[in-house]
Amino acid sequence: MTDESLTALLAQKVMGWNVAPDRFLVGNRSWIPRWRFQPAEKLDDAFRLLEKADPEHYSMGLDGGGHFCVQVRIGGTLGVAREEPKARAITLAVARSLGIEVDE
């Protein structure tokens, strides 16, 4: 799954937005261009996604090898990611906790 298709899926499932070819329809007749919401690349967007997902639990830190690790539990399902950059790790952990299959 590409980052673009993952972002579109998360925008629908988590953010509650409708997806159009070049924009996200965010409600109240408002929209944002797709390039403005990139949680796999922008840390602010990743935290916005995490906050909206409203996890039961999450943790972030370095594992024993010095890699950034994120754990997110939503609906009893744990999503884990060890990735760089940090924004990508947060986004993948949220996706996995929602049952979305993403490549390593």
PDB file of N, CA and C in Angstrom:
ATOM      1  N   MET A   1       0.849  -1.175   0.000  1.00  0.00           N
ATOM      2  CA  MET A   1       0.000   0.000   0.000  1.00  0.00           C
ATOM      3  C   MET A   1       0.896   1.239   0.000  1.00  0.00           C
ATOM      4  N   THR A   2       0.600   2.168  -0.857  1.00  0.00           N
ATOM      5  CA  THR A   2       1.382   3.400  -0.921  1.00  0.00           C
ATOM      6  C   THR A   2       1.004   4.318   0.236  1.00  0.00           C
ATOM      7  N   ASP A   3       1.898   5.254   0.551  1.00  0.00           N
ATOM      8  CA  ASP A   3       1.602   6.227   1.597  1.00  0.00           C
ATOM      9  C   ASP A   3       0.370   7.048   1.240  1.00  0.00           C
ATOM     10  N   GLU A   4       0.203   7.351  -0.032  1.00  0.00           N
ATOM     11  CA  GLU A   4      -0.949   8.147  -0.471  1.00  0.00           C
ATOM     12  C   GLU A   4      -2.260   7.410  -0.234  1.00  0.00           C
ATOM     13  N   SER A   5      -2.309   6.119  -0.567  1.00  0.00           N
ATOM     14  CA  SER A   5      -3.545   5.363  -0.352  1.00  0.00           C
ATOM     15  C   SER A   5      -3.779   5.106   1.136  1.00  0.00           C
ATOM     16  N   LEU A   6      -2.707   4.909   1.900  1.00  0.00           N
ATOM     17  CA  LEU A   6      -2.846   4.745   3.348  1.00  0.00           C
ATOM     18  C   LEU A   6      -3.384   6.031   3.975  1.00  0.00           C
ATOM     19  N   THR A   7      -2.860   7.167   3.554  1.00  0.00           N
ATOM     20  CA  THR A   7      -3.326   8.459   4.073  1.00  0.00           C
ATOM     21  C   THR A   7      -4.804   8.650   3.763  1.00  0.00           C
ATOM     22  N   ALA A   8      -5.226   8.317   2.547  1.00  0.00           N
ATOM     23  CA  ALA A   8      -6.632   8.456   2.177  1.00  0.00           C
ATOM     24  C   ALA A   8      -7.518   7.560   3.042  1.00  0.00           C
ATOM     25  N   LEU A   9      -7.081   6.331   3.276  1.00  0.00           N
ATOM     26  CA  LEU A   9      -7.850   5.393   4.095  1.00  0.00           C
ATOM     27  C   LEU A   9      -7.954   5.887   5.538  1.00  0.00           C
ATOM     28  N   LEU A  10      -6.848   6.376   6.090  1.00  0.00           N
ATOM     29  CA  LEU A  10      -6.859   6.894   7.460  1.00  0.00           C
ATOM     30  C   LEU A  10      -7.669   8.183   7.564  1.00  0.00           C
ATOM     31  N   ALA A  11      -7.627   8.996   6.527  1.00  0.00           N
ATOM     32  CA  ALA A  11      -8.432  10.222   6.522  1.00  0.00           C
ATOM     33  C   ALA A  11      -9.919   9.870   6.631  1.00  0.00           C
ATOM     34  N   GLN A  12     -10.326   8.802   5.965  1.00  0.00           N
ATOM     35  CA  GLN A  12     -11.724   8.363   6.036  1.00  0.00           C
ATOM     36  C   GLN A  12     -12.042   7.729   7.383  1.00  0.00           C
ATOM     37  N   LYS A  13     -11.232   6.726   7.772  1.00  0.00           N
ATOM     38  CA  LYS A  13     -11.532   5.929   8.964  1.00  0.00           C
ATOM     39  C   LYS A  13     -11.334   6.691  10.265  1.00  0.00           C
ATOM     40  N   VAL A  14     -10.270   7.456  10.364  1.00  0.00           N
ATOM     41  CA  VAL A  14      -9.925   8.105  11.624  1.00  0.00           C
ATOM     42  C   VAL A  14     -10.416   9.548  11.677  1.00  0.00           C
ATOM     43  N   MET A  15     -10.099  10.303  10.647  1.00  0.00           N
ATOM     44  CA  MET A  15     -10.429  11.724  10.663  1.00  0.00           C
ATOM     45  C   MET A  15     -11.896  11.984  10.325  1.00  0.00           C
ATOM     46  N   GLY A  16     -12.553  11.009   9.664  1.00  0.00           N
ATOM     47  CA  GLY A  16     -13.954  11.170   9.294  1.00  0.00           C
ATOM     48  C   GLY A  16     -14.160  12.053   8.071  1.00  0.00           C
ATOM     49  N   TRP A  17     -13.132  12.167   7.249  1.00  0.00           N
ATOM     50  CA  TRP A  17     -13.192  13.018   6.067  1.00  0.00           C
ATOM     51  C   TRP A  17     -13.603  12.201   4.848  1.00  0.00           C
ATOM     52  N   ASN A  18     -14.170  12.878   3.867  1.00  0.00           N
ATOM     53  CA  ASN A  18     -14.410  12.269   2.566  1.00  0.00           C
ATOM     54  C   ASN A  18     -13.210  12.561   1.683  1.00  0.00           C
ATOM     55  N   VAL A  19     -12.935  11.652   0.779  1.00  0.00           N
ATOM     56  CA  VAL A  19     -11.749  11.765  -0.064  1.00  0.00           C
ATOM     57  C   VAL A  19     -12.169  12.078  -1.498  1.00  0.00           C
ATOM     58  N   ALA A  20     -11.572  13.109  -2.041  1.00  0.00           N
ATOM     59  CA  ALA A  20     -11.758  13.480  -3.450  1.00  0.00           C
ATOM     60  C   ALA A  20     -10.401  13.327  -4.130  1.00  0.00           C
ATOM     61  N   PRO A  21     -10.361  13.370  -5.455  1.00  0.00           N
ATOM     62  CA  PRO A  21      -9.088  13.126  -6.151  1.00  0.00           C
ATOM     63  C   PRO A  21      -7.912  14.000  -5.706  1.00  0.00           C
ATOM     64  N   ASP A  22      -8.141  15.250  -5.394  1.00  0.00           N
ATOM     65  CA  ASP A  22      -7.023  16.121  -5.039  1.00  0.00           C
ATOM     66  C   ASP A  22      -7.191  16.821  -3.696  1.00  0.00           C
ATOM     67  N   ARG A  23      -8.200  16.382  -2.926  1.00  0.00           N
ATOM     68  CA  ARG A  23      -8.455  17.067  -1.656  1.00  0.00           C
ATOM     69  C   ARG A  23      -9.190  16.162  -0.682  1.00  0.00           C
ATOM     70  N   PHE A  24      -9.208  16.589   0.576  1.00  0.00           N
ATOM     71  CA  PHE A  24     -10.004  15.949   1.610  1.00  0.00           C
ATOM     72  C   PHE A  24     -11.132  16.907   1.965  1.00  0.00           C
ATOM     73  N   LEU A  25     -12.350  16.387   1.985  1.00  0.00           N
ATOM     74  CA  LEU A  25     -13.512  17.176   2.368  1.00  0.00           C
ATOM     75  C   LEU A  25     -13.695  17.005   3.872  1.00  0.00           C
ATOM     76  N   VAL A  26     -13.414  18.072   4.616  1.00  0.00           N
ATOM     77  CA  VAL A  26     -13.320  17.982   6.068  1.00  0.00           C
ATOM     78  C   VAL A  26     -14.609  18.350   6.793  1.00  0.00           C
ATOM     79  N   GLY A  27     -15.663  18.638   6.059  1.00  0.00           N
ATOM     80  CA  GLY A  27     -16.950  18.956   6.667  1.00  0.00           C
ATOM     81  C   GLY A  27     -17.258  20.439   6.613  1.00  0.00           C
ATOM     82  N   ASN A  28     -18.522  20.760   6.858  1.00  0.00           N
ATOM     83  CA  ASN A  28     -18.975  22.156   6.817  1.00  0.00           C
ATOM     84  C   ASN A  28     -18.571  22.859   5.536  1.00  0.00           C
ATOM     85  N   ARG A  29     -18.665  22.125   4.436  1.00  0.00           N
ATOM     86  CA  ARG A  29     -18.338  22.667   3.106  1.00  0.00           C
ATOM     87  C   ARG A  29     -16.889  23.145   3.011  1.00  0.00           C
ATOM     88  N   SER A  30     -16.026  22.581   3.832  1.00  0.00           N
ATOM     89  CA  SER A  30     -14.604  22.938   3.827  1.00  0.00           C
ATOM     90  C   SER A  30     -13.778  21.785   3.283  1.00  0.00           C
ATOM     91  N   TRP A  31     -12.611  22.113   2.794  1.00  0.00           N
ATOM     92  CA  TRP A  31     -11.712  21.098   2.279  1.00  0.00           C
ATOM     93  C   TRP A  31     -10.275  21.568   2.451  1.00  0.00           C
ATOM     94  N   ILE A  32      -9.368  20.589   2.373  1.00  0.00           N
ATOM     95  CA  ILE A  32      -7.936  20.896   2.362  1.00  0.00           C
ATOM     96  C   ILE A  32      -7.309  20.103   1.219  1.00  0.00           C
ATOM     97  N   PRO A  33      -6.280  20.667   0.586  1.00  0.00           N
ATOM     98  CA  PRO A  33      -5.589  19.899  -0.446  1.00  0.00           C
ATOM     99  C   PRO A  33      -4.873  18.705   0.180  1.00  0.00           C
ATOM    100  N   ARG A  34      -4.731  17.645  -0.583  1.00  0.00           N
ATOM    101  CA  ARG A  34      -4.097  16.423  -0.052  1.00  0.00           C
ATOM    102  C   ARG A  34      -2.689  16.665   0.493  1.00  0.00           C
ATOM    103  N   TRP A  35      -1.958  17.576  -0.116  1.00  0.00           N
ATOM    104  CA  TRP A  35      -0.580  17.804   0.327  1.00  0.00           C
ATOM    105  C   TRP A  35      -0.521  18.430   1.717  1.00  0.00           C
ATOM    106  N   ARG A  36      -1.644  18.944   2.224  1.00  0.00           N
ATOM    107  CA  ARG A  36      -1.665  19.578   3.545  1.00  0.00           C
ATOM    108  C   ARG A  36      -1.775  18.573   4.681  1.00  0.00           C
ATOM    109  N   PHE A  37      -2.165  17.323   4.385  1.00  0.00           N
ATOM    110  CA  PHE A  37      -2.279  16.289   5.415  1.00  0.00           C
ATOM    111  C   PHE A  37      -1.466  15.084   4.977  1.00  0.00           C
ATOM    112  N   GLN A  38      -0.284  14.934   5.545  1.00  0.00           N
ATOM    113  CA  GLN A  38       0.625  13.843   5.210  1.00  0.00           C
ATOM    114  C   GLN A  38       1.205  13.251   6.500  1.00  0.00           C
ATOM    115  N   PRO A  39       0.421  12.438   7.193  1.00  0.00           N
ATOM    116  CA  PRO A  39       0.863  11.930   8.491  1.00  0.00           C
ATOM    117  C   PRO A  39       2.080  11.011   8.448  1.00  0.00           C
ATOM    118  N   ALA A  40       2.350  10.388   7.326  1.00  0.00           N
ATOM    119  CA  ALA A  40       3.534   9.523   7.230  1.00  0.00           C
ATOM    120  C   ALA A  40       4.813  10.337   7.056  1.00  0.00           C
ATOM    121  N   GLU A  41       4.678  11.627   6.750  1.00  0.00           N
ATOM    122  CA  GLU A  41       5.835  12.481   6.516  1.00  0.00           C
ATOM    123  C   GLU A  41       5.955  13.647   7.497  1.00  0.00           C
ATOM    124  N   LYS A  42       4.826  14.166   7.951  1.00  0.00           N
ATOM    125  CA  LYS A  42       4.826  15.349   8.817  1.00  0.00           C
ATOM    126  C   LYS A  42       4.438  14.964  10.242  1.00  0.00           C
ATOM    127  N   LEU A  43       5.332  15.257  11.190  1.00  0.00           N
ATOM    128  CA  LEU A  43       5.113  14.865  12.575  1.00  0.00           C
ATOM    129  C   LEU A  43       3.848  15.501  13.160  1.00  0.00           C
ATOM    130  N   ASP A  44       3.583  16.752  12.859  1.00  0.00           N
ATOM    131  CA  ASP A  44       2.359  17.403  13.351  1.00  0.00           C
ATOM    132  C   ASP A  44       1.109  16.670  12.871  1.00  0.00           C
ATOM    133  N   ASP A  45       1.104  16.245  11.616  1.00  0.00           N
ATOM    134  CA  ASP A  45      -0.041  15.506  11.077  1.00  0.00           C
ATOM    135  C   ASP A  45      -0.162  14.131  11.715  1.00  0.00           C
ATOM    136  N   ALA A  46       0.961  13.494  12.008  1.00  0.00           N
ATOM    137  CA  ALA A  46       0.945  12.182  12.653  1.00  0.00           C
ATOM    138  C   ALA A  46       0.344  12.286  14.055  1.00  0.00           C
ATOM    139  N   PHE A  47       0.720  13.325  14.798  1.00  0.00           N
ATOM    140  CA  PHE A  47       0.139  13.516  16.129  1.00  0.00           C
ATOM    141  C   PHE A  47      -1.343  13.889  16.044  1.00  0.00           C
ATOM    142  N   ARG A  48      -1.725  14.618  15.029  1.00  0.00           N
ATOM    143  CA  ARG A  48      -3.139  14.952  14.803  1.00  0.00           C
ATOM    144  C   ARG A  48      -3.940  13.673  14.569  1.00  0.00           C
ATOM    145  N   LEU A  49      -3.391  12.764  13.763  1.00  0.00           N
ATOM    146  CA  LEU A  49      -4.020  11.468  13.505  1.00  0.00           C
ATOM    147  C   LEU A  49      -4.119  10.653  14.792  1.00  0.00           C
ATOM    148  N   LEU A  50      -3.030  10.587  15.542  1.00  0.00           N
ATOM    149  CA  LEU A  50      -3.007   9.827  16.791  1.00  0.00           C
ATOM    150  C   LEU A  50      -4.043  10.369  17.772  1.00  0.00           C
ATOM    151  N   GLU A  51      -4.123  11.668  17.914  1.00  0.00           N
ATOM    152  CA  GLU A  51      -5.085  12.279  18.832  1.00  0.00           C
ATOM    153  C   GLU A  51      -6.526  11.960  18.423  1.00  0.00           C
ATOM    154  N   LYS A  52      -6.806  12.064  17.137  1.00  0.00           N
ATOM    155  CA  LYS A  52      -8.160  11.801  16.634  1.00  0.00           C
ATOM    156  C   LYS A  52      -8.517  10.316  16.759  1.00  0.00           C
ATOM    157  N   ALA A  53      -7.523   9.429  16.655  1.00  0.00           N
ATOM    158  CA  ALA A  53      -7.764   7.989  16.790  1.00  0.00           C
ATOM    159  C   ALA A  53      -8.188   7.620  18.207  1.00  0.00           C
ATOM    160  N   ASP A  54      -7.864   8.475  19.175  1.00  0.00           N
ATOM    161  CA  ASP A  54      -8.260   8.299  20.570  1.00  0.00           C
ATOM    162  C   ASP A  54      -7.897   6.913  21.108  1.00  0.00           C
ATOM    163  N   PRO A  55      -6.602   6.588  21.106  1.00  0.00           N
ATOM    164  CA  PRO A  55      -6.192   5.255  21.549  1.00  0.00           C
ATOM    165  C   PRO A  55      -6.408   5.045  23.053  1.00  0.00           C
ATOM    166  N   GLU A  56      -6.586   3.779  23.416  1.00  0.00           N
ATOM    167  CA  GLU A  56      -6.675   3.410  24.824  1.00  0.00           C
ATOM    168  C   GLU A  56      -5.321   3.617  25.493  1.00  0.00           C
ATOM    169  N   HIS A  57      -4.279   3.337  24.723  1.00  0.00           N
ATOM    170  CA  HIS A  57      -2.913   3.444  25.235  1.00  0.00           C
ATOM    171  C   HIS A  57      -1.973   3.656  24.060  1.00  0.00           C
ATOM    172  N   TYR A  58      -0.930   4.414  24.295  1.00  0.00           N
ATOM    173  CA  TYR A  58       0.154   4.483  23.315  1.00  0.00           C
ATOM    174  C   TYR A  58       1.450   4.777  24.040  1.00  0.00           C
ATOM    175  N   SER A  59       2.533   4.331  23.441  1.00  0.00           N
ATOM    176  CA  SER A  59       3.859   4.626  23.983  1.00  0.00           C
ATOM    177  C   SER A  59       4.829   4.789  22.833  1.00  0.00           C
ATOM    178  N   MET A  60       5.830   5.612  23.069  1.00  0.00           N
ATOM    179  CA  MET A  60       6.861   5.879  22.071  1.00  0.00           C
ATOM    180  C   MET A  60       8.204   5.932  22.774  1.00  0.00           C
ATOM    181  N   GLY A  61       9.210   5.475  22.071  1.00  0.00           N
ATOM    182  CA  GLY A  61      10.551   5.529  22.628  1.00  0.00           C
ATOM    183  C   GLY A  61      11.531   4.799  21.738  1.00  0.00           C
ATOM    184  N   LEU A  62      12.717   4.642  22.255  1.00  0.00           N
ATOM    185  CA  LEU A  62      13.764   3.927  21.532  1.00  0.00           C
ATOM    186  C   LEU A  62      13.822   2.497  22.023  1.00  0.00           C
ATOM    187  N   ASP A  63      13.948   1.552  21.088  1.00  0.00           N
ATOM    188  CA  ASP A  63      14.118   0.167  21.500  1.00  0.00           C
ATOM    189  C   ASP A  63      15.588  -0.067  21.837  1.00  0.00           C
ATOM    190  N   GLY A  64      15.951  -1.279  22.159  1.00  0.00           N
ATOM    191  CA  GLY A  64      17.323  -1.592  22.553  1.00  0.00           C
ATOM    192  C   GLY A  64      18.356  -1.296  21.487  1.00  0.00           C
ATOM    193  N   GLY A  65      17.952  -1.287  20.220  1.00  0.00           N
ATOM    194  CA  GLY A  65      18.875  -1.032  19.123  1.00  0.00           C
ATOM    195  C   GLY A  65      18.941   0.425  18.709  1.00  0.00           C
ATOM    196  N   GLY A  66      18.248   1.296  19.428  1.00  0.00           N
ATOM    197  CA  GLY A  66      18.261   2.711  19.095  1.00  0.00           C
ATOM    198  C   GLY A  66      17.289   3.112  18.006  1.00  0.00           C
ATOM    199  N   HIS A  67      16.339   2.225  17.670  1.00  0.00           N
ATOM    200  CA  HIS A  67      15.318   2.520  16.664  1.00  0.00           C
ATOM    201  C   HIS A  67      14.080   3.093  17.347  1.00  0.00           C
ATOM    202  N   PHE A  68      13.404   4.021  16.680  1.00  0.00           N
ATOM    203  CA  PHE A  68      12.188   4.620  17.220  1.00  0.00           C
ATOM    204  C   PHE A  68      11.062   3.603  17.153  1.00  0.00           C
ATOM    205  N   CYS A  69      10.381   3.380  18.261  1.00  0.00           N
ATOM    206  CA  CYS A  69       9.335   2.371  18.356  1.00  0.00           C
ATOM    207  C   CYS A  69       8.056   3.006  18.890  1.00  0.00           C
ATOM    208  N   VAL A  70       6.931   2.666  18.268  1.00  0.00           N
ATOM    209  CA  VAL A  70       5.623   3.169  18.685  1.00  0.00           C
ATOM    210  C   VAL A  70       4.686   1.989  18.885  1.00  0.00           C
ATOM    211  N   GLN A  71       3.933   2.027  19.980  1.00  0.00           N
ATOM    212  CA  GLN A  71       2.884   1.048  20.236  1.00  0.00           C
ATOM    213  C   GLN A  71       1.586   1.813  20.460  1.00  0.00           C
ATOM    214  N   VAL A  72       0.532   1.400  19.772  1.00  0.00           N
ATOM    215  CA  VAL A  72      -0.777   2.043  19.887  1.00  0.00           C
ATOM    216  C   VAL A  72      -1.825   0.958  20.065  1.00  0.00           C
ATOM    217  N   ARG A  73      -2.681   1.112  21.084  1.00  0.00           N
ATOM    218  CA  ARG A  73      -3.762   0.142  21.297  1.00  0.00           C
ATOM    219  C   ARG A  73      -5.102   0.854  21.091  1.00  0.00           C
ATOM    220  N   ILE A  74      -5.853   0.367  20.093  1.00  0.00           N
ATOM    221  CA  ILE A  74      -7.182   0.896  19.795  1.00  0.00           C
ATOM    222  C   ILE A  74      -8.140  -0.281  19.710  1.00  0.00           C
ATOM    223  N   GLY A  75      -9.208  -0.234  20.481  1.00  0.00           N
ATOM    224  CA  GLY A  75     -10.198  -1.315  20.449  1.00  0.00           C
ATOM    225  C   GLY A  75      -9.628  -2.656  20.839  1.00  0.00           C
ATOM    226  N   GLY A  76      -8.640  -2.649  21.710  1.00  0.00           N
ATOM    227  CA  GLY A  76      -8.019  -3.885  22.161  1.00  0.00           C
ATOM    228  C   GLY A  76      -6.966  -4.453  21.236  1.00  0.00           C
ATOM    229  N   THR A  77      -6.744  -3.820  20.096  1.00  0.00           N
ATOM    230  CA  THR A  77      -5.758  -4.304  19.125  1.00  0.00           C
ATOM    231  C   THR A  77      -4.501  -3.447  19.210  1.00  0.00           C
ATOM    232  N   LEU A  78      -3.372  -4.118  19.357  1.00  0.00           N
ATOM    233  CA  LEU A  78      -2.099  -3.425  19.474  1.00  0.00           C
ATOM    234  C   LEU A  78      -1.442  -3.294  18.102  1.00  0.00           C
ATOM    235  N   GLY A  79      -1.053  -2.085  17.761  1.00  0.00           N
ATOM    236  CA  GLY A  79      -0.293  -1.828  16.542  1.00  0.00           C
ATOM    237  C   GLY A  79       1.104  -1.386  16.924  1.00  0.00           C
ATOM    238  N   VAL A  80       2.107  -1.973  16.314  1.00  0.00           N
ATOM    239  CA  VAL A  80       3.500  -1.678  16.634  1.00  0.00           C
ATOM    240  C   VAL A  80       4.235  -1.306  15.365  1.00  0.00           C
ATOM    241  N   ALA A  81       5.125  -0.326  15.471  1.00  0.00           N
ATOM    242  CA  ALA A  81       5.966   0.054  14.329  1.00  0.00           C
ATOM    243  C   ALA A  81       7.321   0.511  14.833  1.00  0.00           C
ATOM    244  N   ARG A  82       8.358   0.069  14.129  1.00  0.00           N
ATOM    245  CA  ARG A  82       9.733   0.529  14.352  1.00  0.00           C
ATOM    246  C   ARG A  82      10.194   1.102  13.027  1.00  0.00           C
ATOM    247  N   GLU A  83      10.138   2.401  12.908  1.00  0.00           N
ATOM    248  CA  GLU A  83      10.374   3.062  11.626  1.00  0.00           C
ATOM    249  C   GLU A  83      11.091   4.382  11.824  1.00  0.00           C
ATOM    250  N   GLU A  84      11.621   4.882  10.770  1.00  0.00           N
ATOM    251  CA  GLU A  84      12.091   6.259  10.677  1.00  0.00           C
ATOM    252  C   GLU A  84      11.483   6.814   9.412  1.00  0.00           C
ATOM    253  N   PRO A  85      11.022   7.991   9.356  1.00  0.00           N
ATOM    254  CA  PRO A  85      11.002   8.975  10.430  1.00  0.00           C
ATOM    255  C   PRO A  85       9.915   8.672  11.462  1.00  0.00           C
ATOM    256  N   LYS A  86       9.905   9.429  12.527  1.00  0.00           N
ATOM    257  CA  LYS A  86       8.955   9.216  13.614  1.00  0.00           C
ATOM    258  C   LYS A  86       7.513   9.314  13.130  1.00  0.00           C
ATOM    259  N   ALA A  87       7.234  10.239  12.235  1.00  0.00           N
ATOM    260  CA  ALA A  87       5.864  10.408  11.730  1.00  0.00           C
ATOM    261  C   ALA A  87       5.372   9.117  11.076  1.00  0.00           C
ATOM    262  N   ARG A  88       6.230   8.471  10.323  1.00  0.00           N
ATOM    263  CA  ARG A  88       5.853   7.215   9.662  1.00  0.00           C
ATOM    264  C   ARG A  88       5.575   6.123  10.686  1.00  0.00           C
ATOM    265  N   ALA A  89       6.377   6.053  11.732  1.00  0.00           N
ATOM    266  CA  ALA A  89       6.177   5.052  12.779  1.00  0.00           C
ATOM    267  C   ALA A  89       4.827   5.244  13.465  1.00  0.00           C
ATOM    268  N   ILE A  90       4.478   6.466  13.792  1.00  0.00           N
ATOM    269  CA  ILE A  90       3.195   6.747  14.438  1.00  0.00           C
ATOM    270  C   ILE A  90       2.047   6.357  13.509  1.00  0.00           C
ATOM    271  N   THR A  91       2.143   6.758  12.250  1.00  0.00           N
ATOM    272  CA  THR A  91       1.084   6.475  11.277  1.00  0.00           C
ATOM    273  C   THR A  91       0.894   4.972  11.079  1.00  0.00           C
ATOM    274  N   LEU A  92       1.984   4.236  10.935  1.00  0.00           N
ATOM    275  CA  LEU A  92       1.876   2.785  10.731  1.00  0.00           C
ATOM    276  C   LEU A  92       1.333   2.076  11.963  1.00  0.00           C
ATOM    277  N   ALA A  93       1.728   2.523  13.148  1.00  0.00           N
ATOM    278  CA  ALA A  93       1.219   1.905  14.374  1.00  0.00           C
ATOM    279  C   ALA A  93      -0.290   2.133  14.504  1.00  0.00           C
ATOM    280  N   VAL A  94      -0.754   3.342  14.193  1.00  0.00           N
ATOM    281  CA  VAL A  94      -2.196   3.614  14.230  1.00  0.00           C
ATOM    282  C   VAL A  94      -2.911   2.721  13.212  1.00  0.00           C
ATOM    283  N   ALA A  95      -2.392   2.649  12.004  1.00  0.00           N
ATOM    284  CA  ALA A  95      -3.016   1.822  10.970  1.00  0.00           C
ATOM    285  C   ALA A  95      -3.092   0.359  11.399  1.00  0.00           C
ATOM    286  N   ARG A  96      -2.015  -0.168  11.927  1.00  0.00           N
ATOM    287  CA  ARG A  96      -1.996  -1.580  12.336  1.00  0.00           C
ATOM    288  C   ARG A  96      -2.959  -1.832  13.490  1.00  0.00           C
ATOM    289  N   SER A  97      -3.099  -0.873  14.385  1.00  0.00           N
ATOM    290  CA  SER A  97      -4.036  -1.059  15.500  1.00  0.00           C
ATOM    291  C   SER A  97      -5.483  -1.053  15.032  1.00  0.00           C
ATOM    292  N   LEU A  98      -5.723  -0.485  13.841  1.00  0.00           N
ATOM    293  CA  LEU A  98      -7.066  -0.483  13.238  1.00  0.00           C
ATOM    294  C   LEU A  98      -7.290  -1.682  12.328  1.00  0.00           C
ATOM    295  N   GLY A  99      -6.286  -2.559  12.229  1.00  0.00           N
ATOM    296  CA  GLY A  99      -6.419  -3.757  11.400  1.00  0.00           C
ATOM    297  C   GLY A  99      -6.077  -3.530   9.939  1.00  0.00           C
ATOM    298  N   ILE A 100      -5.463  -2.411   9.622  1.00  0.00           N
ATOM    299  CA  ILE A 100      -5.056  -2.138   8.259  1.00  0.00           C
ATOM    300  C   ILE A 100      -3.703  -2.786   8.013  1.00  0.00           C
ATOM    301  N   GLU A 101      -3.624  -3.611   7.000  1.00  0.00           N
ATOM    302  CA  GLU A 101      -2.364  -4.295   6.689  1.00  0.00           C
ATOM    303  C   GLU A 101      -1.457  -3.372   5.885  1.00  0.00           C
ATOM    304  N   VAL A 102      -0.291  -3.103   6.438  1.00  0.00           N
ATOM    305  CA  VAL A 102       0.710  -2.264   5.774  1.00  0.00           C
ATOM    306  C   VAL A 102       2.032  -3.022   5.745  1.00  0.00           C
ATOM    307  N   ASP A 103       2.801  -2.749   4.714  1.00  0.00           N
ATOM    308  CA  ASP A 103       4.095  -3.410   4.564  1.00  0.00           C
ATOM    309  C   ASP A 103       5.085  -2.856   5.582  1.00  0.00           C
ATOM    310  N   GLU A 104       6.080  -3.664   5.846  1.00  0.00           N
ATOM    311  CA  GLU A 104       7.168  -3.235   6.734  1.00  0.00           C
ATOM    312  C   GLU A 104       7.985  -2.164   6.074  1.00  0.00           C
TER     313      GLU A 104
END
